[in-house]
Amino acid sequence: MERLIEVKTTGLRKFFPFNVTATEVRYSEDVAEQFRLYRVFDFADPPRLYVLSGCLYESCRLEPMHYMAAIDIGAK
């Protein structure tokens, strides 16, 4: 089976929060059986790795951080 891999890297510890985009979250949901997020941490030391498989909604606590704003032409 084909794997679809996203890699997130940090010089910080294993449980330090990391950013994912709304697109990455949706994609992890759409192709959950194939999706893997490789989390590389302690990058300055000997790097270490863990893998999250499937939908990120099931393995992470996700908090919205950014909003896309567009001017509403009909607003006053």
Protein backbone atom coordinates (compact mmCIF):
# COMPACT_ATOMS: atom_id res chain seq x y z
CA MET A 1 0.00 0.00 0.00
CA GLU A 2 1.22 3.50 -0.82
CA ARG A 3 2.11 5.66 2.22
CA LEU A 4 1.51 9.38 2.31
CA ILE A 5 4.01 10.95 4.70
CA GLU A 6 4.18 14.39 6.32
CA VAL A 7 7.30 15.24 8.37
CA LYS A 8 7.39 17.74 11.24
CA THR A 9 10.76 18.54 12.86
CA THR A 10 11.77 20.35 16.03
CA GLY A 11 14.84 20.79 18.19
CA LEU A 12 12.56 20.60 21.21
CA ARG A 13 11.17 17.69 23.19
CA LYS A 14 8.76 14.96 22.15
CA PHE A 15 5.56 16.46 23.53
CA PHE A 16 6.20 20.07 22.44
CA PRO A 17 3.19 21.25 20.38
CA PHE A 18 3.67 21.58 16.64
CA ASN A 19 1.82 23.27 13.80
CA VAL A 20 -0.24 21.45 11.22
CA THR A 21 -2.30 23.10 8.52
CA ALA A 22 -6.04 22.66 8.05
CA THR A 23 -5.19 20.98 4.74
CA GLU A 24 -2.93 18.44 6.46
CA VAL A 25 -5.65 17.65 9.01
CA ARG A 26 -8.30 17.20 6.29
CA TYR A 27 -5.93 15.08 4.23
CA SER A 28 -5.17 12.85 7.23
CA GLU A 29 -8.91 12.31 7.57
CA ASP A 30 -9.52 11.68 3.86
CA VAL A 31 -6.73 9.10 3.45
CA ALA A 32 -6.41 7.89 7.04
CA GLU A 33 -5.25 4.37 6.14
CA GLN A 34 -2.33 5.72 4.11
CA PHE A 35 -1.46 8.87 6.11
CA ARG A 36 1.56 8.97 8.42
CA LEU A 37 2.96 11.98 10.26
CA TYR A 38 6.63 11.51 11.13
CA ARG A 39 7.57 13.68 14.10
CA VAL A 40 11.33 14.21 14.40
CA PHE A 41 12.32 15.80 17.72
CA ASP A 42 15.45 16.60 19.76
CA PHE A 43 16.94 17.44 16.37
CA ALA A 44 20.08 19.09 17.81
CA ASP A 45 20.88 15.96 19.82
CA PRO A 46 20.75 12.55 18.24
CA PRO A 47 17.37 13.03 16.51
CA ARG A 48 14.51 10.83 17.60
CA LEU A 49 11.29 9.95 15.86
CA TYR A 50 7.75 8.81 16.43
CA VAL A 51 4.99 8.19 13.92
CA LEU A 52 1.31 9.10 14.11
CA SER A 53 -0.82 6.93 11.86
CA GLY A 54 -4.21 7.82 10.46
CA CYS A 55 -6.49 10.76 11.15
CA LEU A 56 -4.87 13.50 13.26
CA TYR A 57 -8.24 14.11 14.97
CA GLU A 58 -7.81 10.70 16.60
CA SER A 59 -4.20 11.06 17.80
CA CYS A 60 -3.87 14.78 18.61
CA ARG A 61 -5.65 17.51 20.50
CA LEU A 62 -6.12 20.08 17.73
CA GLU A 63 -6.61 23.77 18.51
CA PRO A 64 -7.51 26.32 15.82
CA MET A 65 -4.77 28.93 15.61
CA HIS A 66 -5.37 30.95 12.44
CA TYR A 67 -8.31 32.27 10.50
CA MET A 68 -8.51 33.40 6.91
CA ALA A 69 -10.18 36.81 6.73
CA ALA A 70 -11.66 38.36 3.61
CA ILE A 71 -13.44 41.66 3.37
CA ASP A 72 -17.18 41.18 3.11
CA ILE A 73 -18.12 43.49 0.24
CA GLY A 74 -21.73 43.62 1.43
CA ALA A 75 -20.80 44.73 4.99
CA LYS A 76 -20.88 48.39 6.04
